[in-house]
Amino acid sequence: MRIVSLLPAATEIVAALGAMGRLVGVSHECDFPPEVRLLPRVTRTNLDPALSSGAIDAAMADAKRTGVSPVEVDVNLVAHLRPDLLLGQSVCDVCAVGQDDLARIVSTLMPTPWVVTLHAHTLEQVFEDIRKVGEALELRDEAEELEAGMRYRLRRVEARVAERAVGAQQVAPPRVLVLEWLDPPYVAGHWVPELVTLAGGQDVAATPGEPSRPRPWEELATLAPDLVVVAPCGFEVERARTELAAVARRDAPAVLARRIEFLDGNAYTSRPGPRLVDAAETLARLIIG
């Protein structure tokens, strides 16, 4: 089976199922495991990654207004790769190929590949997507093993949090704010509030399963978080530090005077795949020590 993945999380799921050898093409954002960087890139973006958070947000708003997708697919390359299976998503059109664009691409391909669309907004739905990919790849046992291993690690996080809370005679969990973007500020939604709870915190700004949403700095300040976790979508920690420094001086002194920690949002919290467990473990270290 020849697989083209248009989503980093889907690529990571395929790799975790032991099917790396079946991947023949990936998106421009797929970078894990490192071996996938050698595969043909079937997408590209017209956005300059060096732009500031504010400039990227403005460009995305302009793209939405004009109907021009910021992500382009090299349809000729996809056709040349002749995939049997295309892995896409229907969660976010910002940095990955959306469902409508995927349908148009598939309609041009002969023979027509099988399409599996990932649509997770919660941890349970992430497990459903893993099983869905396992079914498509005829790797059901591997998918069950992957899910079981992830659930085991999450239970270990919960047990550690419970033990720590008893030892510290903790009355209430720390109040946690996770920022997925900084200019404008977006609070991280979808599965992130669940991860915060698993890790021993109380997410004060988002509801499990709901999309990430913009909220003004003044409003975030009234939430009085004990901990602000900065994990911008698509940014590694060093870039996140740079972006934070820019907005801290200008817009957000009340919020960012709190305890600040960084998490690699590009690798962990923004990808609904196997490394969400790593995100939970990291959040637990940040929240409870």
C-alpha atoms as a PDB file:
ATOM      1  CA  MET A   1       0.000   0.000   0.000  1.00  0.00           C
ATOM      2  CA  ARG A   2       1.278   3.451  -0.990  1.00  0.00           C
ATOM      3  CA  ILE A   3       0.342   6.233   1.443  1.00  0.00           C
ATOM      4  CA  VAL A   4       0.412  10.007   1.075  1.00  0.00           C
ATOM      5  CA  SER A   5      -0.115  11.895   4.338  1.00  0.00           C
ATOM      6  CA  LEU A   6      -1.293  15.505   4.316  1.00  0.00           C
ATOM      7  CA  LEU A   7      -1.106  15.901   8.091  1.00  0.00           C
ATOM      8  CA  PRO A   8       1.807  15.637  10.553  1.00  0.00           C
ATOM      9  CA  ALA A   9      -0.307  13.778  13.124  1.00  0.00           C
ATOM     10  CA  ALA A  10      -1.366  11.214  10.505  1.00  0.00           C
ATOM     11  CA  THR A  11       2.268  10.723   9.508  1.00  0.00           C
ATOM     12  CA  GLU A  12       3.191  10.108  13.144  1.00  0.00           C
ATOM     13  CA  ILE A  13       0.366   7.602  13.541  1.00  0.00           C
ATOM     14  CA  VAL A  14       1.519   5.671  10.456  1.00  0.00           C
ATOM     15  CA  ALA A  15       5.078   5.614  11.816  1.00  0.00           C
ATOM     16  CA  ALA A  16       3.927   4.508  15.279  1.00  0.00           C
ATOM     17  CA  LEU A  17       2.064   1.620  13.656  1.00  0.00           C
ATOM     18  CA  GLY A  18       5.313   0.467  12.073  1.00  0.00           C
ATOM     19  CA  ALA A  19       4.298   1.398   8.519  1.00  0.00           C
ATOM     20  CA  MET A  20       6.893   4.063   7.680  1.00  0.00           C
ATOM     21  CA  GLY A  21       7.924   2.067   4.614  1.00  0.00           C
ATOM     22  CA  ARG A  22       4.506   2.573   3.068  1.00  0.00           C
ATOM     23  CA  LEU A  23       4.711   6.375   3.080  1.00  0.00           C
ATOM     24  CA  VAL A  24       5.565   7.769  -0.357  1.00  0.00           C
ATOM     25  CA  GLY A  25       4.739  11.444   0.247  1.00  0.00           C
ATOM     26  CA  VAL A  26       4.051  13.828   3.113  1.00  0.00           C
ATOM     27  CA  SER A  27       3.073  17.433   3.768  1.00  0.00           C
ATOM     28  CA  HIS A  28       5.582  20.275   4.071  1.00  0.00           C
ATOM     29  CA  GLU A  29       5.016  20.280   7.854  1.00  0.00           C
ATOM     30  CA  CYS A  30       5.690  16.591   8.473  1.00  0.00           C
ATOM     31  CA  ASP A  31       8.962  16.355  10.384  1.00  0.00           C
ATOM     32  CA  PHE A  32       8.623  13.415  12.777  1.00  0.00           C
ATOM     33  CA  PRO A  33      10.014  10.866  12.934  1.00  0.00           C
ATOM     34  CA  PRO A  34      13.064  12.498  11.307  1.00  0.00           C
ATOM     35  CA  GLU A  35      13.179   9.952   8.457  1.00  0.00           C
ATOM     36  CA  VAL A  36      10.037  11.460   6.899  1.00  0.00           C
ATOM     37  CA  ARG A  37      12.013  14.571   5.999  1.00  0.00           C
ATOM     38  CA  LEU A  38      13.556  12.558   3.162  1.00  0.00           C
ATOM     39  CA  LEU A  39      10.186  11.893   1.534  1.00  0.00           C
ATOM     40  CA  PRO A  40       8.659  13.996  -1.276  1.00  0.00           C
ATOM     41  CA  ARG A  41       6.733  17.044  -0.040  1.00  0.00           C
ATOM     42  CA  VAL A  42       3.343  17.223  -1.698  1.00  0.00           C
ATOM     43  CA  THR A  43       2.262  20.519  -0.110  1.00  0.00           C
ATOM     44  CA  ARG A  44       3.742  23.975   0.301  1.00  0.00           C
ATOM     45  CA  THR A  45       2.675  27.244   1.876  1.00  0.00           C
ATOM     46  CA  ASN A  46       2.860  30.752   0.513  1.00  0.00           C
ATOM     47  CA  LEU A  47       3.302  32.141   4.030  1.00  0.00           C
ATOM     48  CA  ASP A  48       6.757  33.270   5.084  1.00  0.00           C
ATOM     49  CA  PRO A  49       7.494  31.331   8.305  1.00  0.00           C
ATOM     50  CA  ALA A  50       9.705  34.197   9.486  1.00  0.00           C
ATOM     51  CA  LEU A  51       6.690  36.517   9.811  1.00  0.00           C
ATOM     52  CA  SER A  52       5.644  37.545  13.298  1.00  0.00           C
ATOM     53  CA  SER A  53       2.592  35.995  14.957  1.00  0.00           C
ATOM     54  CA  GLY A  54       0.573  39.119  14.234  1.00  0.00           C
ATOM     55  CA  ALA A  55       1.589  39.182  10.568  1.00  0.00           C
ATOM     56  CA  ILE A  56       0.796  35.485  10.155  1.00  0.00           C
ATOM     57  CA  ASP A  57      -2.628  35.998  11.734  1.00  0.00           C
ATOM     58  CA  ALA A  58      -3.317  38.914   9.380  1.00  0.00           C
ATOM     59  CA  ALA A  59      -2.249  36.836   6.378  1.00  0.00           C
ATOM     60  CA  MET A  60      -4.502  33.971   7.453  1.00  0.00           C
ATOM     61  CA  ALA A  61      -7.445  36.340   7.881  1.00  0.00           C
ATOM     62  CA  ASP A  62      -6.803  37.698   4.398  1.00  0.00           C
ATOM     63  CA  ALA A  63      -6.662  34.175   2.964  1.00  0.00           C
ATOM     64  CA  LYS A  64      -9.982  33.320   4.598  1.00  0.00           C
ATOM     65  CA  ARG A  65     -11.575  36.507   3.284  1.00  0.00           C
ATOM     66  CA  THR A  66     -10.397  35.933  -0.283  1.00  0.00           C
ATOM     67  CA  GLY A  67     -10.947  32.187  -0.278  1.00  0.00           C
ATOM     68  CA  VAL A  68      -7.333  31.487  -1.227  1.00  0.00           C
ATOM     69  CA  SER A  69      -5.935  28.588   0.770  1.00  0.00           C
ATOM     70  CA  PRO A  70      -2.551  29.252   2.405  1.00  0.00           C
ATOM     71  CA  VAL A  71      -1.600  25.612   1.721  1.00  0.00           C
ATOM     72  CA  GLU A  72      -1.123  24.441  -1.858  1.00  0.00           C
ATOM     73  CA  VAL A  73      -1.011  20.836  -3.006  1.00  0.00           C
ATOM     74  CA  ASP A  74       1.252  19.692  -5.821  1.00  0.00           C
ATOM     75  CA  VAL A  75      -1.442  17.644  -7.527  1.00  0.00           C
ATOM     76  CA  ASN A  76       0.910  16.503 -10.280  1.00  0.00           C
ATOM     77  CA  LEU A  77       3.323  15.119  -7.699  1.00  0.00           C
ATOM     78  CA  VAL A  78       0.525  13.351  -5.862  1.00  0.00           C
ATOM     79  CA  ALA A  79      -0.631  11.820  -9.147  1.00  0.00           C
ATOM     80  CA  HIS A  80       2.933  10.733  -9.910  1.00  0.00           C
ATOM     81  CA  LEU A  81       3.219   9.050  -6.500  1.00  0.00           C
ATOM     82  CA  ARG A  82       0.027   7.052  -7.234  1.00  0.00           C
ATOM     83  CA  PRO A  83      -1.134   6.642  -3.613  1.00  0.00           C
ATOM     84  CA  ASP A  84      -3.552   3.910  -2.665  1.00  0.00           C
ATOM     85  CA  LEU A  85      -4.434   5.869   0.484  1.00  0.00           C
ATOM     86  CA  LEU A  86      -4.604   9.597   1.227  1.00  0.00           C
ATOM     87  CA  LEU A  87      -4.646  10.701   4.868  1.00  0.00           C
ATOM     88  CA  GLY A  88      -6.234  14.111   5.487  1.00  0.00           C
ATOM     89  CA  GLN A  89      -8.106  16.050   8.157  1.00  0.00           C
ATOM     90  CA  SER A  90     -11.202  18.142   8.757  1.00  0.00           C
ATOM     91  CA  VAL A  91     -10.240  19.915  11.985  1.00  0.00           C
ATOM     92  CA  CYS A  92      -8.374  23.049  10.873  1.00  0.00           C
ATOM     93  CA  ASP A  93      -7.776  24.735   7.506  1.00  0.00           C
ATOM     94  CA  VAL A  94      -5.039  27.043   8.779  1.00  0.00           C
ATOM     95  CA  CYS A  95      -1.888  24.973   8.292  1.00  0.00           C
ATOM     96  CA  ALA A  96      -3.124  21.773   6.633  1.00  0.00           C
ATOM     97  CA  VAL A  97      -5.218  20.842   3.616  1.00  0.00           C
ATOM     98  CA  GLY A  98      -8.900  21.195   4.482  1.00  0.00           C
ATOM     99  CA  GLN A  99     -11.700  18.766   3.703  1.00  0.00           C
ATOM    100  CA  ASP A 100     -13.066  20.680   0.691  1.00  0.00           C
ATOM    101  CA  ASP A 101      -9.644  21.039  -0.917  1.00  0.00           C
ATOM    102  CA  LEU A 102      -8.957  17.364  -0.269  1.00  0.00           C
ATOM    103  CA  ALA A 103     -12.170  16.371  -2.063  1.00  0.00           C
ATOM    104  CA  ARG A 104     -11.234  18.475  -5.092  1.00  0.00           C
ATOM    105  CA  ILE A 105      -7.760  16.927  -5.220  1.00  0.00           C
ATOM    106  CA  VAL A 106      -9.077  13.384  -5.020  1.00  0.00           C
ATOM    107  CA  SER A 107     -11.520  14.046  -7.856  1.00  0.00           C
ATOM    108  CA  THR A 108      -8.577  14.703 -10.196  1.00  0.00           C
ATOM    109  CA  LEU A 109      -6.652  11.516  -9.402  1.00  0.00           C
ATOM    110  CA  MET A 110      -6.817   8.312 -11.419  1.00  0.00           C
ATOM    111  CA  PRO A 111      -6.973   5.749 -10.041  1.00  0.00           C
ATOM    112  CA  THR A 112      -8.894   7.294  -7.173  1.00  0.00           C
ATOM    113  CA  PRO A 113      -7.180   6.646  -3.827  1.00  0.00           C
ATOM    114  CA  TRP A 114      -8.983   5.644  -0.678  1.00  0.00           C
ATOM    115  CA  VAL A 115      -9.311   8.668   1.647  1.00  0.00           C
ATOM    116  CA  VAL A 116      -9.203   8.541   5.439  1.00  0.00           C
ATOM    117  CA  THR A 117     -10.068  11.820   7.140  1.00  0.00           C
ATOM    118  CA  LEU A 118      -9.016  12.452  10.738  1.00  0.00           C
ATOM    119  CA  HIS A 119     -11.383  14.540  12.818  1.00  0.00           C
ATOM    120  CA  ALA A 120     -10.309  14.426  16.464  1.00  0.00           C
ATOM    121  CA  HIS A 121     -11.295  17.143  18.925  1.00  0.00           C
ATOM    122  CA  THR A 122     -10.886  15.068  22.113  1.00  0.00           C
ATOM    123  CA  LEU A 123      -8.497  12.417  23.377  1.00  0.00           C
ATOM    124  CA  GLU A 124     -11.080   9.692  22.801  1.00  0.00           C
ATOM    125  CA  GLN A 125     -11.447  10.844  19.220  1.00  0.00           C
ATOM    126  CA  VAL A 126      -7.669  10.709  18.816  1.00  0.00           C
ATOM    127  CA  PHE A 127      -7.846   7.039  19.793  1.00  0.00           C
ATOM    128  CA  GLU A 128     -10.704   6.580  17.316  1.00  0.00           C
ATOM    129  CA  ASP A 129      -8.532   8.087  14.567  1.00  0.00           C
ATOM    130  CA  ILE A 130      -5.654   5.757  15.456  1.00  0.00           C
ATOM    131  CA  ARG A 131      -8.003   2.797  15.141  1.00  0.00           C
ATOM    132  CA  LYS A 132      -9.325   4.202  11.858  1.00  0.00           C
ATOM    133  CA  VAL A 133      -5.823   4.437  10.391  1.00  0.00           C
ATOM    134  CA  GLY A 134      -5.000   0.977  11.710  1.00  0.00           C
ATOM    135  CA  GLU A 135      -8.101  -0.389   9.983  1.00  0.00           C
ATOM    136  CA  ALA A 136      -7.178   1.276   6.692  1.00  0.00           C
ATOM    137  CA  LEU A 137      -3.641  -0.121   6.853  1.00  0.00           C
ATOM    138  CA  GLU A 138      -4.867  -3.548   7.982  1.00  0.00           C
ATOM    139  CA  LEU A 139      -2.834  -3.075  11.159  1.00  0.00           C
ATOM    140  CA  ARG A 140      -5.639  -3.449  13.681  1.00  0.00           C
ATOM    141  CA  ASP A 141      -3.542  -5.295  16.263  1.00  0.00           C
ATOM    142  CA  GLU A 142      -0.793  -2.678  16.042  1.00  0.00           C
ATOM    143  CA  ALA A 143      -3.363   0.091  16.496  1.00  0.00           C
ATOM    144  CA  GLU A 144      -4.764  -1.662  19.578  1.00  0.00           C
ATOM    145  CA  GLU A 145      -1.259  -2.005  21.016  1.00  0.00           C
ATOM    146  CA  LEU A 146      -0.479   1.650  20.328  1.00  0.00           C
ATOM    147  CA  GLU A 147      -3.698   2.773  21.993  1.00  0.00           C
ATOM    148  CA  ALA A 148      -3.122   0.491  24.984  1.00  0.00           C
ATOM    149  CA  GLY A 149       0.394   1.843  25.446  1.00  0.00           C
ATOM    150  CA  MET A 150      -0.786   5.446  25.279  1.00  0.00           C
ATOM    151  CA  ARG A 151      -3.586   4.811  27.756  1.00  0.00           C
ATOM    152  CA  TYR A 152      -1.162   3.113  30.131  1.00  0.00           C
ATOM    153  CA  ARG A 153       1.148   6.128  30.094  1.00  0.00           C
ATOM    154  CA  LEU A 154      -1.786   8.468  30.691  1.00  0.00           C
ATOM    155  CA  ARG A 155      -2.863   6.374  33.683  1.00  0.00           C
ATOM    156  CA  ARG A 156       0.681   6.653  35.003  1.00  0.00           C
ATOM    157  CA  VAL A 157       0.450  10.440  34.755  1.00  0.00           C
ATOM    158  CA  GLU A 158      -2.878  10.440  36.610  1.00  0.00           C
ATOM    159  CA  ALA A 159      -1.497   8.158  39.335  1.00  0.00           C
ATOM    160  CA  ARG A 160       1.545  10.366  39.816  1.00  0.00           C
ATOM    161  CA  VAL A 161      -0.648  13.474  40.034  1.00  0.00           C
ATOM    162  CA  ALA A 162      -2.948  11.816  42.592  1.00  0.00           C
ATOM    163  CA  GLU A 163       0.000  10.669  44.710  1.00  0.00           C
ATOM    164  CA  ARG A 164       1.547  14.134  44.632  1.00  0.00           C
ATOM    165  CA  ALA A 165      -1.734  15.808  45.569  1.00  0.00           C
ATOM    166  CA  VAL A 166      -2.160  13.561  48.611  1.00  0.00           C
ATOM    167  CA  GLY A 167       1.433  14.086  49.708  1.00  0.00           C
ATOM    168  CA  ALA A 168       1.149  17.863  49.394  1.00  0.00           C
ATOM    169  CA  GLN A 169      -2.356  17.906  50.917  1.00  0.00           C
ATOM    170  CA  GLN A 170      -3.413  19.862  47.857  1.00  0.00           C
ATOM    171  CA  VAL A 171      -6.908  21.352  48.131  1.00  0.00           C
ATOM    172  CA  ALA A 172      -7.399  22.717  44.616  1.00  0.00           C
ATOM    173  CA  PRO A 173      -5.461  22.044  41.427  1.00  0.00           C
ATOM    174  CA  PRO A 174      -3.297  24.858  40.043  1.00  0.00           C
ATOM    175  CA  ARG A 175      -5.078  27.206  37.647  1.00  0.00           C
ATOM    176  CA  VAL A 176      -3.527  26.814  34.200  1.00  0.00           C
ATOM    177  CA  LEU A 177      -3.784  28.896  31.037  1.00  0.00           C
ATOM    178  CA  VAL A 178      -2.414  27.368  27.813  1.00  0.00           C
ATOM    179  CA  LEU A 179      -1.804  29.793  24.966  1.00  0.00           C
ATOM    180  CA  GLU A 180      -1.836  28.357  21.440  1.00  0.00           C
ATOM    181  CA  TRP A 181      -1.087  31.728  19.785  1.00  0.00           C
ATOM    182  CA  LEU A 182       0.172  35.059  21.070  1.00  0.00           C
ATOM    183  CA  ASP A 183      -0.804  37.831  18.650  1.00  0.00           C
ATOM    184  CA  PRO A 184      -3.745  37.797  19.028  1.00  0.00           C
ATOM    185  CA  PRO A 185      -3.887  35.478  22.044  1.00  0.00           C
ATOM    186  CA  TYR A 186      -5.645  32.165  21.453  1.00  0.00           C
ATOM    187  CA  VAL A 187      -6.390  29.725  24.255  1.00  0.00           C
ATOM    188  CA  ALA A 188      -5.658  26.109  23.348  1.00  0.00           C
ATOM    189  CA  GLY A 189      -8.803  24.033  22.956  1.00  0.00           C
ATOM    190  CA  HIS A 190      -9.694  20.597  21.575  1.00  0.00           C
ATOM    191  CA  TRP A 191      -7.786  17.951  23.591  1.00  0.00           C
ATOM    192  CA  VAL A 192      -5.535  20.374  25.495  1.00  0.00           C
ATOM    193  CA  PRO A 193      -7.901  21.020  28.449  1.00  0.00           C
ATOM    194  CA  GLU A 194      -8.083  17.250  28.967  1.00  0.00           C
ATOM    195  CA  LEU A 195      -4.303  17.051  29.013  1.00  0.00           C
ATOM    196  CA  VAL A 196      -4.180  19.825  31.610  1.00  0.00           C
ATOM    197  CA  THR A 197      -6.640  17.963  33.836  1.00  0.00           C
ATOM    198  CA  LEU A 198      -4.746  14.682  33.462  1.00  0.00           C
ATOM    199  CA  ALA A 199      -1.556  16.538  34.392  1.00  0.00           C
ATOM    200  CA  GLY A 200      -3.018  17.866  37.632  1.00  0.00           C
ATOM    201  CA  GLY A 201      -4.178  21.327  36.607  1.00  0.00           C
ATOM    202  CA  GLN A 202      -7.413  23.200  36.065  1.00  0.00           C
ATOM    203  CA  ASP A 203      -7.715  24.788  32.632  1.00  0.00           C
ATOM    204  CA  VAL A 204      -9.224  28.201  33.344  1.00  0.00           C
ATOM    205  CA  ALA A 205      -9.806  29.346  29.768  1.00  0.00           C
ATOM    206  CA  ALA A 206     -10.938  26.451  27.567  1.00  0.00           C
ATOM    207  CA  THR A 207     -13.470  23.631  27.460  1.00  0.00           C
ATOM    208  CA  PRO A 208     -12.561  20.097  26.342  1.00  0.00           C
ATOM    209  CA  GLY A 209     -13.523  19.390  22.738  1.00  0.00           C
ATOM    210  CA  GLU A 210     -14.156  23.018  21.840  1.00  0.00           C
ATOM    211  CA  PRO A 211     -11.983  24.780  19.212  1.00  0.00           C
ATOM    212  CA  SER A 212      -9.136  27.057  20.176  1.00  0.00           C
ATOM    213  CA  ARG A 213     -10.455  30.609  20.459  1.00  0.00           C
ATOM    214  CA  PRO A 214      -9.095  34.150  20.627  1.00  0.00           C
ATOM    215  CA  ARG A 215      -9.584  35.955  23.930  1.00  0.00           C
ATOM    216  CA  PRO A 216      -8.306  39.458  24.736  1.00  0.00           C
ATOM    217  CA  TRP A 217      -5.401  39.904  27.141  1.00  0.00           C
ATOM    218  CA  GLU A 218      -7.563  41.937  29.507  1.00  0.00           C
ATOM    219  CA  GLU A 219     -10.041  39.063  29.784  1.00  0.00           C
ATOM    220  CA  LEU A 220      -7.290  36.493  30.282  1.00  0.00           C
ATOM    221  CA  ALA A 221      -5.844  38.586  33.105  1.00  0.00           C
ATOM    222  CA  THR A 222      -9.115  38.313  35.052  1.00  0.00           C
ATOM    223  CA  LEU A 223      -8.763  34.503  35.040  1.00  0.00           C
ATOM    224  CA  ALA A 224      -5.822  34.795  37.446  1.00  0.00           C
ATOM    225  CA  PRO A 225      -3.901  31.700  36.318  1.00  0.00           C
ATOM    226  CA  ASP A 226      -1.214  30.280  38.571  1.00  0.00           C
ATOM    227  CA  LEU A 227       0.678  29.059  35.504  1.00  0.00           C
ATOM    228  CA  VAL A 228       0.731  30.225  31.885  1.00  0.00           C
ATOM    229  CA  VAL A 229       1.961  27.596  29.433  1.00  0.00           C
ATOM    230  CA  VAL A 230       3.093  29.120  26.136  1.00  0.00           C
ATOM    231  CA  ALA A 231       2.766  26.517  23.366  1.00  0.00           C
ATOM    232  CA  PRO A 232       2.105  28.274  20.046  1.00  0.00           C
ATOM    233  CA  CYS A 233       0.854  26.102  17.215  1.00  0.00           C
ATOM    234  CA  GLY A 234       3.655  25.513  14.720  1.00  0.00           C
ATOM    235  CA  PHE A 235       6.403  27.134  16.834  1.00  0.00           C
ATOM    236  CA  GLU A 236       9.235  25.483  18.693  1.00  0.00           C
ATOM    237  CA  VAL A 237      10.261  26.812  22.096  1.00  0.00           C
ATOM    238  CA  GLU A 238      12.906  29.295  20.966  1.00  0.00           C
ATOM    239  CA  ARG A 239      10.552  30.890  18.478  1.00  0.00           C
ATOM    240  CA  ALA A 240       7.851  30.971  21.151  1.00  0.00           C
ATOM    241  CA  ARG A 241      10.220  32.847  23.484  1.00  0.00           C
ATOM    242  CA  THR A 242      10.859  35.448  20.783  1.00  0.00           C
ATOM    243  CA  GLU A 243       7.159  35.933  20.083  1.00  0.00           C
ATOM    244  CA  LEU A 244       6.353  36.174  23.781  1.00  0.00           C
ATOM    245  CA  ALA A 245       8.978  38.857  24.315  1.00  0.00           C
ATOM    246  CA  ALA A 246       7.372  40.954  21.562  1.00  0.00           C
ATOM    247  CA  VAL A 247       3.852  40.856  22.988  1.00  0.00           C
ATOM    248  CA  ALA A 248       4.865  40.997  26.655  1.00  0.00           C
ATOM    249  CA  ARG A 249       6.306  44.469  26.304  1.00  0.00           C
ATOM    250  CA  ARG A 250       3.295  45.759  24.440  1.00  0.00           C
ATOM    251  CA  ASP A 251       0.074  44.017  25.385  1.00  0.00           C
ATOM    252  CA  ALA A 252       0.170  41.478  28.159  1.00  0.00           C
ATOM    253  CA  PRO A 253       2.015  42.533  31.308  1.00  0.00           C
ATOM    254  CA  ALA A 254      -0.793  41.480  33.669  1.00  0.00           C
ATOM    255  CA  VAL A 255      -1.037  37.938  32.299  1.00  0.00           C
ATOM    256  CA  LEU A 256       2.638  37.409  31.678  1.00  0.00           C
ATOM    257  CA  ALA A 257       3.675  38.578  35.110  1.00  0.00           C
ATOM    258  CA  ARG A 258       2.504  35.137  36.211  1.00  0.00           C
ATOM    259  CA  ARG A 259       4.676  32.038  36.233  1.00  0.00           C
ATOM    260  CA  ILE A 260       5.509  31.237  32.602  1.00  0.00           C
ATOM    261  CA  GLU A 261       6.564  27.888  31.152  1.00  0.00           C
ATOM    262  CA  PHE A 262       7.133  26.858  27.551  1.00  0.00           C
ATOM    263  CA  LEU A 263       6.099  23.712  25.712  1.00  0.00           C
ATOM    264  CA  ASP A 264       6.883  22.832  22.105  1.00  0.00           C
ATOM    265  CA  GLY A 265       3.454  23.314  20.587  1.00  0.00           C
ATOM    266  CA  ASN A 266       4.673  22.350  17.133  1.00  0.00           C
ATOM    267  CA  ALA A 267       5.735  18.896  18.303  1.00  0.00           C
ATOM    268  CA  TYR A 268       3.219  18.090  20.998  1.00  0.00           C
ATOM    269  CA  THR A 269       0.021  19.954  21.865  1.00  0.00           C
ATOM    270  CA  SER A 270      -0.984  20.863  18.291  1.00  0.00           C
ATOM    271  CA  ARG A 271      -0.740  17.358  16.835  1.00  0.00           C
ATOM    272  CA  PRO A 272      -3.564  14.897  17.606  1.00  0.00           C
ATOM    273  CA  GLY A 273      -1.393  11.818  17.538  1.00  0.00           C
ATOM    274  CA  PRO A 274       0.833   9.578  19.660  1.00  0.00           C
ATOM    275  CA  ARG A 275       2.927  12.410  21.118  1.00  0.00           C
ATOM    276  CA  LEU A 276      -0.034  13.867  23.007  1.00  0.00           C
ATOM    277  CA  VAL A 277       1.048  11.454  25.731  1.00  0.00           C
ATOM    278  CA  ASP A 278       4.442  13.171  25.808  1.00  0.00           C
ATOM    279  CA  ALA A 279       2.549  16.459  26.132  1.00  0.00           C
ATOM    280  CA  ALA A 280       0.634  15.144  29.153  1.00  0.00           C
ATOM    281  CA  GLU A 281       3.841  13.986  30.818  1.00  0.00           C
ATOM    282  CA  THR A 282       5.535  17.320  30.170  1.00  0.00           C
ATOM    283  CA  LEU A 283       2.538  19.279  31.449  1.00  0.00           C
ATOM    284  CA  ALA A 284       2.566  17.197  34.633  1.00  0.00           C
ATOM    285  CA  ARG A 285       6.207  18.139  35.242  1.00  0.00           C
ATOM    286  CA  LEU A 286       5.377  21.813  34.658  1.00  0.00           C
ATOM    287  CA  ILE A 287       2.247  21.803  36.812  1.00  0.00           C
ATOM    288  CA  ILE A 288       3.119  19.588  39.767  1.00  0.00           C
ATOM    289  CA  GLY A 289       6.894  19.334  39.435  1.00  0.00           C
END
